[in-house]
Amino acid sequence: TAVNLYLNGTSEASATRSDDFSQTDAFLIGNSRNGTQTFTGYISNVRITKQALYTSNFTPSTAALTTTSQGASAANVIFLGCQTNISRENSKVIDLSSVDSTITRNTSPAVSSFSPYGNTWSVLFDGTGDYINSANTVACNMGSGNFTIEGWFYSTSYTDPQRIINNWDTTTATAASWEILLGAGNTVYFSC
């Protein structure tokens, strides 16, 4: 399987992997599984799709992601979140995909009107252990097929490293895990 990392639509790195990402841990947004590598900043429009949406450089969306934008098939979108503007109520972080996973807020990630698109919101992570996770572990099972993880991430304070989104299994050595993180020099990495 080809692994490609794009930053603002430009290819930054590529590799080939033969892993089967059939693990069933829920994914986390804004922190590591052990709770020590918190993200500080805003995250918006996270979408996980069981299909390769980009195979070469592209122009990033200037509008909020949907279940069918950028060529996505709604049936393949397993998570679409961190973008809802429901009555400025900080307890509302929801999954807009057809999977409709229950999202749990841990510590104090808050819905924020700060957004890349103006008509949708983001989630603010203050770096004190905040994260959100999906309760639907079946949806997190990527298998060995193509997938795309995308979103808008804006760091306001950098420490090394910060987990942006991950499905890293710390208990099973044979489970293929993945993560997007800010690492040394405030560089974005995809690790698997």
C-alpha atoms as a PDB file:
ATOM      1  CA  THR A   1       0.000   0.000   0.000  1.00  0.00           C
ATOM      2  CA  ALA A   2       1.302   3.451  -0.887  1.00  0.00           C
ATOM      3  CA  VAL A   3       1.462   5.875   2.041  1.00  0.00           C
ATOM      4  CA  ASN A   4       1.478   9.568   1.097  1.00  0.00           C
ATOM      5  CA  LEU A   5       1.673  12.586   3.401  1.00  0.00           C
ATOM      6  CA  TYR A   6       0.367  15.867   1.998  1.00  0.00           C
ATOM      7  CA  LEU A   7       0.698  19.216   3.732  1.00  0.00           C
ATOM      8  CA  ASN A   8      -1.525  21.953   2.302  1.00  0.00           C
ATOM      9  CA  GLY A   9      -2.041  19.794  -0.788  1.00  0.00           C
ATOM     10  CA  THR A  10       1.659  19.245  -1.522  1.00  0.00           C
ATOM     11  CA  SER A  11       3.314  15.852  -1.197  1.00  0.00           C
ATOM     12  CA  GLU A  12       5.782  15.881   1.715  1.00  0.00           C
ATOM     13  CA  ALA A  13       6.683  12.193   1.969  1.00  0.00           C
ATOM     14  CA  SER A  14       5.767   8.776   0.619  1.00  0.00           C
ATOM     15  CA  ALA A  15       6.472   5.154   1.475  1.00  0.00           C
ATOM     16  CA  THR A  16       5.161   1.681   0.835  1.00  0.00           C
ATOM     17  CA  ARG A  17       3.657  -0.432   3.628  1.00  0.00           C
ATOM     18  CA  SER A  18       2.119  -3.889   3.698  1.00  0.00           C
ATOM     19  CA  ASP A  19       0.423  -3.546   7.081  1.00  0.00           C
ATOM     20  CA  ASP A  20      -3.091  -4.627   7.872  1.00  0.00           C
ATOM     21  CA  PHE A  21      -4.651  -1.851   9.982  1.00  0.00           C
ATOM     22  CA  SER A  22      -7.311  -4.175  11.401  1.00  0.00           C
ATOM     23  CA  GLN A  23      -7.129  -3.036  14.985  1.00  0.00           C
ATOM     24  CA  THR A  24     -10.204  -2.164  16.967  1.00  0.00           C
ATOM     25  CA  ASP A  25      -9.073   0.519  19.414  1.00  0.00           C
ATOM     26  CA  ALA A  26     -11.029   3.758  19.202  1.00  0.00           C
ATOM     27  CA  PHE A  27      -9.085   6.610  17.641  1.00  0.00           C
ATOM     28  CA  LEU A  28      -8.111   9.699  19.614  1.00  0.00           C
ATOM     29  CA  ILE A  29      -7.978  13.320  18.506  1.00  0.00           C
ATOM     30  CA  GLY A  30      -5.745  15.735  20.414  1.00  0.00           C
ATOM     31  CA  ASN A  31      -3.639  13.395  22.560  1.00  0.00           C
ATOM     32  CA  SER A  32      -1.722  10.120  22.742  1.00  0.00           C
ATOM     33  CA  ARG A  33      -3.207   6.974  24.224  1.00  0.00           C
ATOM     34  CA  ASN A  34      -1.092   7.398  27.383  1.00  0.00           C
ATOM     35  CA  GLY A  35      -2.230  11.038  27.732  1.00  0.00           C
ATOM     36  CA  THR A  36       1.207  12.627  27.717  1.00  0.00           C
ATOM     37  CA  GLN A  37       1.496  14.105  24.211  1.00  0.00           C
ATOM     38  CA  THR A  38      -1.314  16.617  24.056  1.00  0.00           C
ATOM     39  CA  PHE A  39      -2.051  18.900  21.134  1.00  0.00           C
ATOM     40  CA  THR A  40      -2.395  22.619  21.833  1.00  0.00           C
ATOM     41  CA  GLY A  41      -4.455  24.495  19.268  1.00  0.00           C
ATOM     42  CA  TYR A  42      -7.467  24.128  16.995  1.00  0.00           C
ATOM     43  CA  ILE A  43      -8.606  21.090  15.015  1.00  0.00           C
ATOM     44  CA  SER A  44     -11.366  21.253  12.437  1.00  0.00           C
ATOM     45  CA  ASN A  45     -12.864  19.156   9.657  1.00  0.00           C
ATOM     46  CA  VAL A  46     -11.347  15.784  10.518  1.00  0.00           C
ATOM     47  CA  ARG A  47     -12.442  13.178   8.008  1.00  0.00           C
ATOM     48  CA  ILE A  48     -11.413   9.533   7.842  1.00  0.00           C
ATOM     49  CA  THR A  49     -12.328   7.768   4.628  1.00  0.00           C
ATOM     50  CA  LYS A  50     -11.758   4.158   3.576  1.00  0.00           C
ATOM     51  CA  GLN A  51     -10.533   5.198   0.130  1.00  0.00           C
ATOM     52  CA  ALA A  52      -7.525   7.003  -1.329  1.00  0.00           C
ATOM     53  CA  LEU A  53      -8.800  10.487  -2.160  1.00  0.00           C
ATOM     54  CA  TYR A  54      -5.481  11.991  -3.272  1.00  0.00           C
ATOM     55  CA  THR A  55      -2.751  10.370  -5.366  1.00  0.00           C
ATOM     56  CA  SER A  56      -0.910  13.535  -6.419  1.00  0.00           C
ATOM     57  CA  ASN A  57      -0.668  17.177  -5.323  1.00  0.00           C
ATOM     58  CA  PHE A  58      -4.051  18.870  -5.005  1.00  0.00           C
ATOM     59  CA  THR A  59      -5.680  22.160  -4.091  1.00  0.00           C
ATOM     60  CA  PRO A  60      -7.005  21.956  -0.518  1.00  0.00           C
ATOM     61  CA  SER A  61     -10.673  22.609   0.018  1.00  0.00           C
ATOM     62  CA  THR A  62     -11.733  26.172   0.757  1.00  0.00           C
ATOM     63  CA  ALA A  63     -15.045  24.954   2.205  1.00  0.00           C
ATOM     64  CA  ALA A  64     -15.952  22.601   5.011  1.00  0.00           C
ATOM     65  CA  LEU A  65     -15.504  18.913   4.208  1.00  0.00           C
ATOM     66  CA  THR A  66     -18.627  16.832   3.640  1.00  0.00           C
ATOM     67  CA  THR A  67     -19.221  13.116   3.208  1.00  0.00           C
ATOM     68  CA  THR A  68     -18.992  13.547  -0.582  1.00  0.00           C
ATOM     69  CA  SER A  69     -16.551  16.430  -1.169  1.00  0.00           C
ATOM     70  CA  GLN A  70     -13.156  15.861  -2.844  1.00  0.00           C
ATOM     71  CA  GLY A  71     -14.510  12.711  -4.499  1.00  0.00           C
ATOM     72  CA  ALA A  72     -15.329  10.890  -1.259  1.00  0.00           C
ATOM     73  CA  SER A  73     -18.045   8.270  -1.278  1.00  0.00           C
ATOM     74  CA  ALA A  74     -20.405   8.785   1.666  1.00  0.00           C
ATOM     75  CA  ALA A  75     -20.411   5.019   2.270  1.00  0.00           C
ATOM     76  CA  ASN A  76     -16.615   5.110   2.779  1.00  0.00           C
ATOM     77  CA  VAL A  77     -16.554   8.039   5.236  1.00  0.00           C
ATOM     78  CA  ILE A  78     -16.176   6.526   8.710  1.00  0.00           C
ATOM     79  CA  PHE A  79     -15.713   9.793  10.619  1.00  0.00           C
ATOM     80  CA  LEU A  80     -16.444  13.465   9.912  1.00  0.00           C
ATOM     81  CA  GLY A  81     -16.172  15.763  12.894  1.00  0.00           C
ATOM     82  CA  CYS A  82     -14.687  18.760  14.691  1.00  0.00           C
ATOM     83  CA  GLN A  83     -16.722  21.113  12.540  1.00  0.00           C
ATOM     84  CA  THR A  84     -20.227  21.452  13.971  1.00  0.00           C
ATOM     85  CA  ASN A  85     -21.615  24.804  15.040  1.00  0.00           C
ATOM     86  CA  ILE A  86     -24.535  23.733  17.198  1.00  0.00           C
ATOM     87  CA  SER A  87     -25.680  26.704  19.273  1.00  0.00           C
ATOM     88  CA  ARG A  88     -22.181  27.392  20.641  1.00  0.00           C
ATOM     89  CA  GLU A  89     -22.741  24.595  23.141  1.00  0.00           C
ATOM     90  CA  ASN A  90     -19.330  23.306  24.180  1.00  0.00           C
ATOM     91  CA  SER A  91     -20.604  19.806  24.842  1.00  0.00           C
ATOM     92  CA  LYS A  92     -21.505  19.167  21.187  1.00  0.00           C
ATOM     93  CA  VAL A  93     -18.729  17.370  19.316  1.00  0.00           C
ATOM     94  CA  ILE A  94     -20.426  14.941  16.953  1.00  0.00           C
ATOM     95  CA  ASP A  95     -19.684  12.595  14.069  1.00  0.00           C
ATOM     96  CA  LEU A  96     -21.471  13.705  10.903  1.00  0.00           C
ATOM     97  CA  SER A  97     -20.659  10.531   8.929  1.00  0.00           C
ATOM     98  CA  SER A  98     -23.250   7.803   8.397  1.00  0.00           C
ATOM     99  CA  VAL A  99     -21.445   5.795  11.117  1.00  0.00           C
ATOM    100  CA  ASP A 100     -22.568   8.438  13.635  1.00  0.00           C
ATOM    101  CA  SER A 101     -20.059   7.383  16.310  1.00  0.00           C
ATOM    102  CA  THR A 102     -20.576   8.530  19.861  1.00  0.00           C
ATOM    103  CA  ILE A 103     -17.844  11.068  20.628  1.00  0.00           C
ATOM    104  CA  THR A 104     -16.517  11.456  24.151  1.00  0.00           C
ATOM    105  CA  ARG A 105     -14.830  14.668  25.333  1.00  0.00           C
ATOM    106  CA  ASN A 106     -12.096  14.099  27.881  1.00  0.00           C
ATOM    107  CA  THR A 107     -10.876  16.912  30.154  1.00  0.00           C
ATOM    108  CA  SER A 108     -12.018  20.124  28.438  1.00  0.00           C
ATOM    109  CA  PRO A 109     -11.800  20.315  24.639  1.00  0.00           C
ATOM    110  CA  ALA A 110     -14.224  23.080  23.695  1.00  0.00           C
ATOM    111  CA  VAL A 111     -16.124  23.987  20.543  1.00  0.00           C
ATOM    112  CA  SER A 112     -14.688  27.240  19.188  1.00  0.00           C
ATOM    113  CA  SER A 113     -15.913  29.688  16.562  1.00  0.00           C
ATOM    114  CA  PHE A 114     -12.323  29.950  15.239  1.00  0.00           C
ATOM    115  CA  SER A 115     -12.426  28.179  11.889  1.00  0.00           C
ATOM    116  CA  PRO A 116     -10.684  27.954   8.540  1.00  0.00           C
ATOM    117  CA  TYR A 117     -13.980  28.248   6.665  1.00  0.00           C
ATOM    118  CA  GLY A 118     -16.142  30.716   8.580  1.00  0.00           C
ATOM    119  CA  ASN A 119     -19.336  28.659   8.449  1.00  0.00           C
ATOM    120  CA  THR A 120     -18.151  25.758  10.606  1.00  0.00           C
ATOM    121  CA  TRP A 121     -16.324  25.671  13.889  1.00  0.00           C
ATOM    122  CA  SER A 122     -13.307  23.911  15.329  1.00  0.00           C
ATOM    123  CA  VAL A 123     -12.407  22.195  18.585  1.00  0.00           C
ATOM    124  CA  LEU A 124      -9.939  23.961  20.888  1.00  0.00           C
ATOM    125  CA  PHE A 125      -7.434  21.778  22.740  1.00  0.00           C
ATOM    126  CA  ASP A 126      -5.688  23.749  25.505  1.00  0.00           C
ATOM    127  CA  GLY A 127      -2.798  21.304  26.045  1.00  0.00           C
ATOM    128  CA  THR A 128      -3.845  20.178  29.526  1.00  0.00           C
ATOM    129  CA  GLY A 129      -4.741  16.606  28.599  1.00  0.00           C
ATOM    130  CA  ASP A 130      -7.718  17.333  26.334  1.00  0.00           C
ATOM    131  CA  TYR A 131      -8.768  14.793  23.754  1.00  0.00           C
ATOM    132  CA  ILE A 132     -11.830  13.374  22.090  1.00  0.00           C
ATOM    133  CA  ASN A 133     -12.354   9.784  21.096  1.00  0.00           C
ATOM    134  CA  SER A 134     -14.745   7.734  19.047  1.00  0.00           C
ATOM    135  CA  ALA A 135     -16.619   4.945  20.758  1.00  0.00           C
ATOM    136  CA  ASN A 136     -17.127   3.047  17.508  1.00  0.00           C
ATOM    137  CA  THR A 137     -14.162   0.704  17.322  1.00  0.00           C
ATOM    138  CA  VAL A 138     -15.558  -1.197  14.320  1.00  0.00           C
ATOM    139  CA  ALA A 139     -15.323   1.954  12.196  1.00  0.00           C
ATOM    140  CA  CYS A 140     -11.672   2.364  13.180  1.00  0.00           C
ATOM    141  CA  ASN A 141     -10.756  -0.944  11.566  1.00  0.00           C
ATOM    142  CA  MET A 142      -9.049   0.191   8.344  1.00  0.00           C
ATOM    143  CA  GLY A 143      -8.051  -3.294   7.178  1.00  0.00           C
ATOM    144  CA  SER A 144      -5.487  -3.534   4.401  1.00  0.00           C
ATOM    145  CA  GLY A 145      -7.228  -1.275   1.875  1.00  0.00           C
ATOM    146  CA  ASN A 146      -6.714   2.376   1.018  1.00  0.00           C
ATOM    147  CA  PHE A 147      -7.701   5.138   3.415  1.00  0.00           C
ATOM    148  CA  THR A 148      -7.408   8.907   3.822  1.00  0.00           C
ATOM    149  CA  ILE A 149      -7.074  10.847   7.065  1.00  0.00           C
ATOM    150  CA  GLU A 150      -7.425  14.583   6.628  1.00  0.00           C
ATOM    151  CA  GLY A 151      -8.261  17.721   8.518  1.00  0.00           C
ATOM    152  CA  TRP A 152      -7.310  21.274   9.433  1.00  0.00           C
ATOM    153  CA  PHE A 153      -4.860  21.581  12.315  1.00  0.00           C
ATOM    154  CA  TYR A 154      -3.591  24.862  13.813  1.00  0.00           C
ATOM    155  CA  SER A 155      -1.048  24.611  16.629  1.00  0.00           C
ATOM    156  CA  THR A 156      -0.880  27.591  19.003  1.00  0.00           C
ATOM    157  CA  SER A 157       1.937  26.332  21.218  1.00  0.00           C
ATOM    158  CA  TYR A 158       4.513  23.733  20.304  1.00  0.00           C
ATOM    159  CA  THR A 159       6.080  21.018  22.433  1.00  0.00           C
ATOM    160  CA  ASP A 160       7.645  17.866  20.999  1.00  0.00           C
ATOM    161  CA  PRO A 161       5.740  15.690  20.215  1.00  0.00           C
ATOM    162  CA  GLN A 162       2.031  16.479  19.957  1.00  0.00           C
ATOM    163  CA  ARG A 163      -0.429  13.841  18.775  1.00  0.00           C
ATOM    164  CA  ILE A 164      -3.012  15.317  16.415  1.00  0.00           C
ATOM    165  CA  ILE A 165      -4.973  12.154  15.654  1.00  0.00           C
ATOM    166  CA  ASN A 166      -4.031   8.569  16.263  1.00  0.00           C
ATOM    167  CA  ASN A 167      -5.110   4.987  16.500  1.00  0.00           C
ATOM    168  CA  TRP A 168      -2.018   3.709  18.272  1.00  0.00           C
ATOM    169  CA  ASP A 169      -2.406   0.379  20.015  1.00  0.00           C
ATOM    170  CA  THR A 170      -0.055   0.218  22.997  1.00  0.00           C
ATOM    171  CA  THR A 171      -1.150  -3.241  24.118  1.00  0.00           C
ATOM    172  CA  THR A 172      -0.953  -5.503  21.067  1.00  0.00           C
ATOM    173  CA  ALA A 173       2.423  -5.822  19.367  1.00  0.00           C
ATOM    174  CA  THR A 174       0.902  -7.292  16.205  1.00  0.00           C
ATOM    175  CA  ALA A 175      -1.694  -4.555  15.655  1.00  0.00           C
ATOM    176  CA  ALA A 176      -0.826  -2.047  12.948  1.00  0.00           C
ATOM    177  CA  SER A 177      -1.224   1.444  14.363  1.00  0.00           C
ATOM    178  CA  TRP A 178      -1.136   4.911  12.801  1.00  0.00           C
ATOM    179  CA  GLU A 179      -0.837   8.541  13.905  1.00  0.00           C
ATOM    180  CA  ILE A 180      -0.467  12.084  12.647  1.00  0.00           C
ATOM    181  CA  LEU A 181       1.711  14.160  14.929  1.00  0.00           C
ATOM    182  CA  LEU A 182       3.771  17.306  15.264  1.00  0.00           C
ATOM    183  CA  GLY A 183       7.357  16.288  15.885  1.00  0.00           C
ATOM    184  CA  ALA A 184      10.801  17.840  16.021  1.00  0.00           C
ATOM    185  CA  GLY A 185      10.921  21.339  14.547  1.00  0.00           C
ATOM    186  CA  ASN A 186       7.117  21.599  14.437  1.00  0.00           C
ATOM    187  CA  THR A 187       7.106  19.158  11.496  1.00  0.00           C
ATOM    188  CA  VAL A 188       4.015  17.113  10.600  1.00  0.00           C
ATOM    189  CA  TYR A 189       4.569  13.348  10.519  1.00  0.00           C
ATOM    190  CA  PHE A 190       2.492  10.315   9.640  1.00  0.00           C
ATOM    191  CA  SER A 191       3.722   7.270  11.501  1.00  0.00           C
ATOM    192  CA  CYS A 192       2.611   3.663  11.204  1.00  0.00           C
END
